[in-house]
Amino acid sequence: MPQMAPISWLFMFILFSFTLLMFCSSNYFLFKISPSQTFEKKINFNSFNWKW
């Protein structure tokens, strides 16, 4: 069984690293988040006059 030269291992590492980076970045940038329409701000501000 022939052995691979170190430059081939380096090239394979660079190739797979580049492929992983492109896959992760494409998943990150192509995924579009649609904001949910059901969420509304329902914050009740109760104003109290504190009399100490």
N, C-alpha and C. Protein backbone atom coordinates (compact mmCIF):
# COMPACT_ATOMS: atom_id res chain seq x y z
N MET A 1 0.84 -1.17 0.00
CA MET A 1 0.00 0.00 0.00
C MET A 1 0.89 1.24 0.00
N PRO A 2 0.72 2.09 -0.98
CA PRO A 2 1.60 3.27 -1.06
C PRO A 2 1.26 4.30 0.01
N GLN A 3 2.27 5.00 0.42
CA GLN A 3 2.08 6.04 1.43
C GLN A 3 1.91 7.38 0.73
N MET A 4 1.22 8.29 1.44
CA MET A 4 1.01 9.62 0.88
C MET A 4 2.13 10.54 1.32
N ALA A 5 2.50 11.44 0.45
CA ALA A 5 3.52 12.43 0.78
C ALA A 5 2.92 13.46 1.73
N PRO A 6 3.76 14.10 2.55
CA PRO A 6 3.23 15.11 3.49
C PRO A 6 2.52 16.27 2.81
N ILE A 7 2.94 16.62 1.59
CA ILE A 7 2.27 17.72 0.90
C ILE A 7 0.85 17.31 0.51
N SER A 8 0.63 16.03 0.27
CA SER A 8 -0.73 15.57 -0.04
C SER A 8 -1.63 15.65 1.19
N TRP A 9 -1.08 15.31 2.36
CA TRP A 9 -1.85 15.44 3.60
C TRP A 9 -2.19 16.90 3.87
N LEU A 10 -1.23 17.77 3.61
CA LEU A 10 -1.47 19.20 3.81
C LEU A 10 -2.55 19.70 2.85
N PHE A 11 -2.46 19.27 1.60
CA PHE A 11 -3.46 19.68 0.61
C PHE A 11 -4.85 19.15 0.99
N MET A 12 -4.92 17.90 1.45
CA MET A 12 -6.21 17.35 1.88
C MET A 12 -6.77 18.09 3.08
N PHE A 13 -5.90 18.44 4.04
CA PHE A 13 -6.35 19.20 5.20
C PHE A 13 -6.89 20.56 4.79
N ILE A 14 -6.18 21.25 3.90
CA ILE A 14 -6.63 22.56 3.43
C ILE A 14 -7.94 22.43 2.66
N LEU A 15 -8.04 21.41 1.83
CA LEU A 15 -9.26 21.21 1.05
C LEU A 15 -10.47 20.93 1.94
N PHE A 16 -10.33 20.03 2.90
CA PHE A 16 -11.46 19.72 3.78
C PHE A 16 -11.79 20.88 4.72
N SER A 17 -10.77 21.61 5.16
CA SER A 17 -11.04 22.78 6.00
C SER A 17 -11.79 23.85 5.22
N PHE A 18 -11.38 24.07 3.97
CA PHE A 18 -12.07 25.05 3.13
C PHE A 18 -13.50 24.61 2.85
N THR A 19 -13.69 23.32 2.61
CA THR A 19 -15.04 22.80 2.38
C THR A 19 -15.92 22.97 3.61
N LEU A 20 -15.37 22.70 4.77
CA LEU A 20 -16.12 22.87 6.01
C LEU A 20 -16.48 24.34 6.24
N LEU A 21 -15.53 25.23 6.01
CA LEU A 21 -15.82 26.66 6.18
C LEU A 21 -16.88 27.14 5.20
N MET A 22 -16.81 26.70 3.96
CA MET A 22 -17.81 27.11 2.98
C MET A 22 -19.19 26.55 3.32
N PHE A 23 -19.24 25.32 3.79
CA PHE A 23 -20.51 24.71 4.17
C PHE A 23 -21.13 25.44 5.36
N CYS A 24 -20.33 25.72 6.37
CA CYS A 24 -20.86 26.40 7.56
C CYS A 24 -21.28 27.83 7.24
N SER A 25 -20.48 28.54 6.45
CA SER A 25 -20.84 29.91 6.13
C SER A 25 -22.07 29.96 5.22
N SER A 26 -22.21 29.00 4.31
CA SER A 26 -23.41 29.00 3.47
C SER A 26 -24.65 28.68 4.30
N ASN A 27 -24.54 27.79 5.26
CA ASN A 27 -25.68 27.51 6.14
C ASN A 27 -26.02 28.73 6.98
N TYR A 28 -25.01 29.47 7.39
CA TYR A 28 -25.26 30.64 8.24
C TYR A 28 -25.91 31.76 7.44
N PHE A 29 -25.40 32.03 6.24
CA PHE A 29 -25.89 33.17 5.48
C PHE A 29 -27.13 32.87 4.66
N LEU A 30 -27.39 31.63 4.34
CA LEU A 30 -28.56 31.30 3.53
C LEU A 30 -29.80 31.02 4.36
N PHE A 31 -29.64 30.83 5.66
CA PHE A 31 -30.78 30.58 6.53
C PHE A 31 -31.43 31.90 6.88
N LYS A 32 -32.68 32.08 6.45
CA LYS A 32 -33.37 33.34 6.68
C LYS A 32 -34.33 33.18 7.84
N ILE A 33 -34.19 34.01 8.83
CA ILE A 33 -35.05 33.95 10.00
C ILE A 33 -36.25 34.86 9.77
N SER A 34 -37.42 34.28 9.83
CA SER A 34 -38.63 35.08 9.69
C SER A 34 -39.16 35.40 11.09
N PRO A 35 -39.30 36.66 11.40
CA PRO A 35 -39.80 37.00 12.74
C PRO A 35 -41.26 36.58 12.90
N SER A 36 -41.55 36.08 14.05
CA SER A 36 -42.92 35.62 14.29
C SER A 36 -43.84 36.82 14.49
N GLN A 37 -45.00 36.73 13.91
CA GLN A 37 -45.96 37.83 13.97
C GLN A 37 -46.80 37.78 15.23
N THR A 38 -46.78 36.69 15.95
CA THR A 38 -47.63 36.57 17.12
C THR A 38 -47.05 37.25 18.34
N PHE A 39 -45.76 37.53 18.30
CA PHE A 39 -45.12 38.14 19.45
C PHE A 39 -45.39 39.64 19.44
N GLU A 40 -46.01 40.11 20.47
CA GLU A 40 -46.26 41.54 20.62
C GLU A 40 -45.77 41.97 21.98
N LYS A 41 -45.42 43.21 22.04
CA LYS A 41 -44.95 43.72 23.33
C LYS A 41 -46.15 43.98 24.23
N LYS A 42 -46.24 43.18 25.25
CA LYS A 42 -47.33 43.34 26.21
C LYS A 42 -46.72 43.57 27.58
N ILE A 43 -46.24 44.75 27.76
CA ILE A 43 -45.62 45.09 29.04
C ILE A 43 -46.53 46.11 29.72
N ASN A 44 -46.99 45.74 30.87
CA ASN A 44 -47.84 46.65 31.64
C ASN A 44 -46.98 47.42 32.62
N PHE A 45 -47.01 48.70 32.47
CA PHE A 45 -46.28 49.55 33.39
C PHE A 45 -47.27 50.10 34.41
N ASN A 46 -47.18 49.58 35.61
CA ASN A 46 -48.02 50.08 36.68
C ASN A 46 -47.27 51.20 37.40
N SER A 47 -47.85 52.36 37.33
CA SER A 47 -47.18 53.48 37.98
C SER A 47 -47.70 53.60 39.42
N PHE A 48 -46.79 53.47 40.33
CA PHE A 48 -47.11 53.59 41.75
C PHE A 48 -46.45 54.85 42.29
N ASN A 49 -47.19 55.56 43.10
CA ASN A 49 -46.60 56.66 43.84
C ASN A 49 -46.24 56.13 45.21
N TRP A 50 -44.98 55.88 45.39
CA TRP A 50 -44.53 55.35 46.67
C TRP A 50 -44.44 56.49 47.67
N LYS A 51 -45.16 56.35 48.74
CA LYS A 51 -45.14 57.37 49.78
C LYS A 51 -44.53 56.75 51.02
N TRP A 52 -43.31 57.07 51.25
CA TRP A 52 -42.58 56.50 52.39
C TRP A 52 -42.84 57.32 53.61
